[in-house]
Amino acid sequence: MELTAGKIAVVTSAAGGIGLALAERFATAGMHVVLADVDEEGLADAAAVVGARGVETLVVPTDVSVEASVQALAAATVERFDRVHVVCNNAGVATQADPWFGPLSAWEWVVGVNLWGVVHGIRAFLPYLVAEGEGHIVNTASIAGILPGLTPSYDATKHAVVALTEDLYTTLTAMGVPVGVSVLCPGWVQTGIMDAERNWPAHLGEPPPQAFASEIVTNHVRRAVAEGMPAATVADLVADAIAAQRFWVFPHPDFVEVAELRWRTIVEGQNPAGLADVPGLPPSEQIAAEVAASLEGLTSD
């Protein structure tokens, strides 16, 4: 689908990071943009940036984990613009809580945003895209959607997003529905993902404590994210994928190569060996040694 002036794009988690970059990229093409996020202050700032490009914007505070909130987003979009062409289910969070011994609320939060947010987005907007006779859905997963090893809740939800997006693509293709589908699987990108808990929902109680020794891996990941690909570059790749009707969007081919090595072990029936060396991070042996040293320090205390 061509991204042309006057068409309508909806982007969740649009207050910053990849979401804001997508909104700006669509505005550059002359598209009007609906910006959704739980961060209302950041959302207003983002709308000002996008609107400065000479397009119309609509700000809709939205909690993607809540079906009614996403349905309200869709209704507000159609009420304002009467149609929609591109929907980017982009919201995502990560937690540093212990997945096995920490509170279940950490899982509820991540699954609610990362998985249910995508499900709600598809179900709310797909009828309008079908009625329009053209359109495109972009679901933001992660390279963690094909390569586990970050955190269990994040990996699980991103794998689920890849799977359901592929199912959506094959279903619409088989039915001859003229709505394109893409899944975005980036590696390290300059976003605020490591500070996602700033938006921890009040209804889940207090934010959970970090897992023991998690700061070791977190510090390495923070550096990798800070040195990662600019979000604007990712947005350009997404725009290209929409225009080319391309399903897979892999901004970081080097990560795909690591995933391919894992897939080979699966084909060979090998037991999982843990996370292989990942581009942008120290060797896995170094990280393991740092964690072990931290454990020794705790014991000696």
Foldseek 3Di string as FASTA:
>chain_A
DALAAAAEEEFEPCLDFLNLLLLQVSVLRNYEYEYEYQPVVSQVVSLVVSCVSPHHYHYQYADLLDLVRLLVSLVVRCVVRVAHAEYELEDAAADQADPPPWDCLRLVNRCSRLASSLVSNCVNHVVRCLVVQAHEYEYEAALLLLAPFDHVSNSVSSVVSVVVQVVVQVVCVVVVRRYFYAYEHEYAEQIPRLVRCVPPDPVSPDRIDGDPPSVLVSVQSVVLNNVDHYSNVQSVQVSVCSVVSHHYRYPDVVSVVQSVVVVVCVVVVHDDPHHADDPSGDGPVVSVVVSVVSVVVVVVD
